[in-house]
Amino acid sequence: MFTPEHFRAKAAECGELAKTANSQDDAREFERRETSPAMLADNAQWLADKMVHSGGVAP
């Protein structure tokens, strides 16, 4: 299972690629790809926090 840190690292990688893209189209594509891992990181963090507060075991 991936951790929030893994997803955030992937989002940061896409953000850096957007800064160095060769064209505006490429930059937009990397920016679009940056959003999905960031949302996954937020969701994974929420789930981990929810499990801790409910007495479950965090992943």
N, C-alpha and C. Protein backbone atom coordinates (compact mmCIF):
# COMPACT_ATOMS: atom_id res chain seq x y z
N MET A 1 0.84 -1.18 0.00
CA MET A 1 0.00 0.00 0.00
C MET A 1 0.89 1.24 0.00
N PHE A 2 0.50 2.21 -0.77
CA PHE A 2 1.27 3.45 -0.85
C PHE A 2 0.94 4.35 0.33
N THR A 3 1.92 5.12 0.73
CA THR A 3 1.74 6.04 1.85
C THR A 3 1.47 7.44 1.32
N PRO A 4 0.91 8.33 2.16
CA PRO A 4 0.72 9.71 1.73
C PRO A 4 2.03 10.35 1.26
N GLU A 5 3.13 9.99 1.91
CA GLU A 5 4.43 10.56 1.53
C GLU A 5 4.81 10.15 0.11
N HIS A 6 4.50 8.91 -0.26
CA HIS A 6 4.79 8.43 -1.61
C HIS A 6 4.00 9.25 -2.64
N PHE A 7 2.72 9.45 -2.37
CA PHE A 7 1.90 10.22 -3.30
C PHE A 7 2.36 11.67 -3.39
N ARG A 8 2.74 12.25 -2.25
CA ARG A 8 3.22 13.64 -2.27
C ARG A 8 4.52 13.77 -3.04
N ALA A 9 5.39 12.78 -2.92
CA ALA A 9 6.65 12.79 -3.68
C ALA A 9 6.38 12.74 -5.18
N LYS A 10 5.42 11.92 -5.58
CA LYS A 10 5.07 11.81 -7.00
C LYS A 10 4.47 13.13 -7.50
N ALA A 11 3.64 13.76 -6.69
CA ALA A 11 3.06 15.05 -7.06
C ALA A 11 4.16 16.10 -7.20
N ALA A 12 5.11 16.10 -6.29
CA ALA A 12 6.22 17.06 -6.36
C ALA A 12 7.07 16.82 -7.60
N GLU A 13 7.27 15.55 -7.95
CA GLU A 13 8.03 15.21 -9.15
C GLU A 13 7.34 15.77 -10.40
N CYS A 14 6.03 15.60 -10.48
CA CYS A 14 5.29 16.13 -11.63
C CYS A 14 5.34 17.65 -11.65
N GLY A 15 5.29 18.27 -10.49
CA GLY A 15 5.38 19.73 -10.42
C GLY A 15 6.72 20.23 -10.93
N GLU A 16 7.79 19.53 -10.59
CA GLU A 16 9.11 19.92 -11.09
C GLU A 16 9.21 19.72 -12.60
N LEU A 17 8.64 18.63 -13.09
CA LEU A 17 8.66 18.39 -14.53
C LEU A 17 7.87 19.46 -15.28
N ALA A 18 6.81 19.96 -14.68
CA ALA A 18 6.03 21.03 -15.31
C ALA A 18 6.86 22.30 -15.45
N LYS A 19 7.73 22.55 -14.48
CA LYS A 19 8.57 23.76 -14.52
C LYS A 19 9.61 23.69 -15.63
N THR A 20 10.03 22.48 -15.98
CA THR A 20 11.10 22.33 -16.98
C THR A 20 10.59 21.77 -18.30
N ALA A 21 9.29 21.76 -18.49
CA ALA A 21 8.71 21.20 -19.72
C ALA A 21 9.14 22.00 -20.94
N ASN A 22 9.19 21.32 -22.08
CA ASN A 22 9.61 21.94 -23.33
C ASN A 22 8.52 22.76 -23.99
N SER A 23 7.28 22.50 -23.65
CA SER A 23 6.18 23.24 -24.27
C SER A 23 5.09 23.51 -23.24
N GLN A 24 4.20 24.42 -23.59
CA GLN A 24 3.08 24.73 -22.71
C GLN A 24 2.16 23.52 -22.56
N ASP A 25 1.98 22.77 -23.65
CA ASP A 25 1.14 21.58 -23.58
C ASP A 25 1.72 20.55 -22.60
N ASP A 26 3.02 20.35 -22.67
CA ASP A 26 3.67 19.43 -21.74
C ASP A 26 3.55 19.93 -20.30
N ALA A 27 3.74 21.22 -20.11
CA ALA A 27 3.64 21.79 -18.76
C ALA A 27 2.24 21.58 -18.20
N ARG A 28 1.22 21.83 -19.02
CA ARG A 28 -0.16 21.62 -18.56
C ARG A 28 -0.41 20.16 -18.21
N GLU A 29 0.13 19.26 -19.01
CA GLU A 29 -0.06 17.83 -18.75
C GLU A 29 0.58 17.43 -17.42
N PHE A 30 1.78 17.91 -17.15
CA PHE A 30 2.43 17.60 -15.88
C PHE A 30 1.68 18.24 -14.71
N GLU A 31 1.16 19.44 -14.90
CA GLU A 31 0.37 20.07 -13.85
C GLU A 31 -0.90 19.27 -13.56
N ARG A 32 -1.51 18.75 -14.63
CA ARG A 32 -2.70 17.91 -14.46
C ARG A 32 -2.33 16.64 -13.69
N ARG A 33 -1.20 16.06 -14.04
CA ARG A 33 -0.76 14.83 -13.37
C ARG A 33 -0.34 15.08 -11.93
N GLU A 34 0.00 16.30 -11.60
CA GLU A 34 0.38 16.65 -10.23
C GLU A 34 -0.82 16.58 -9.30
N THR A 35 -1.99 16.90 -9.81
CA THR A 35 -3.20 16.98 -9.00
C THR A 35 -3.64 15.63 -8.44
N SER A 36 -3.62 14.61 -9.26
CA SER A 36 -4.13 13.30 -8.84
C SER A 36 -3.35 12.70 -7.66
N PRO A 37 -2.01 12.64 -7.71
CA PRO A 37 -1.30 12.10 -6.54
C PRO A 37 -1.49 12.96 -5.29
N ALA A 38 -1.65 14.26 -5.47
CA ALA A 38 -1.86 15.13 -4.31
C ALA A 38 -3.19 14.79 -3.64
N MET A 39 -4.22 14.57 -4.44
CA MET A 39 -5.51 14.19 -3.88
C MET A 39 -5.45 12.81 -3.23
N LEU A 40 -4.73 11.88 -3.85
CA LEU A 40 -4.56 10.56 -3.26
C LEU A 40 -3.84 10.64 -1.92
N ALA A 41 -2.85 11.51 -1.83
CA ALA A 41 -2.13 11.70 -0.57
C ALA A 41 -3.06 12.21 0.51
N ASP A 42 -3.89 13.19 0.16
CA ASP A 42 -4.85 13.73 1.13
C ASP A 42 -5.82 12.64 1.59
N ASN A 43 -6.30 11.84 0.65
CA ASN A 43 -7.24 10.77 0.99
C ASN A 43 -6.58 9.71 1.86
N ALA A 44 -5.36 9.33 1.53
CA ALA A 44 -4.65 8.32 2.31
C ALA A 44 -4.37 8.84 3.72
N GLN A 45 -4.03 10.12 3.83
CA GLN A 45 -3.79 10.70 5.15
C GLN A 45 -5.07 10.74 5.97
N TRP A 46 -6.17 11.11 5.33
CA TRP A 46 -7.46 11.15 6.02
C TRP A 46 -7.81 9.76 6.53
N LEU A 47 -7.63 8.75 5.68
CA LEU A 47 -7.96 7.39 6.07
C LEU A 47 -7.09 6.92 7.24
N ALA A 48 -5.81 7.21 7.18
CA ALA A 48 -4.91 6.82 8.27
C ALA A 48 -5.30 7.52 9.56
N ASP A 49 -5.61 8.81 9.49
CA ASP A 49 -6.03 9.55 10.68
C ASP A 49 -7.34 8.99 11.24
N LYS A 50 -8.26 8.67 10.35
CA LYS A 50 -9.56 8.14 10.77
C LYS A 50 -9.38 6.80 11.48
N MET A 51 -8.49 5.96 10.97
CA MET A 51 -8.27 4.66 11.59
C MET A 51 -7.64 4.81 12.97
N VAL A 52 -6.74 5.74 13.12
CA VAL A 52 -6.09 5.97 14.42
C VAL A 52 -7.12 6.45 15.44
N HIS A 53 -7.97 7.38 15.03
CA HIS A 53 -8.96 7.95 15.96
C HIS A 53 -10.09 6.99 16.28
N SER A 54 -10.33 6.01 15.41
CA SER A 54 -11.42 5.06 15.66
C SER A 54 -10.94 3.82 16.40
N GLY A 55 -9.65 3.76 16.68
CA GLY A 55 -9.10 2.62 17.40
C GLY A 55 -8.61 1.51 16.50
N GLY A 56 -8.68 1.73 15.19
CA GLY A 56 -8.17 0.75 14.23
C GLY A 56 -6.67 0.86 14.12
N VAL A 57 -6.12 0.07 13.27
CA VAL A 57 -4.67 0.09 13.05
C VAL A 57 -4.38 0.88 11.79
N ALA A 58 -3.49 1.85 11.89
CA ALA A 58 -3.12 2.65 10.72
C ALA A 58 -2.28 1.81 9.78
N PRO A 59 -2.42 2.05 8.46
CA PRO A 59 -1.64 1.28 7.48
C PRO A 59 -0.16 1.53 7.59
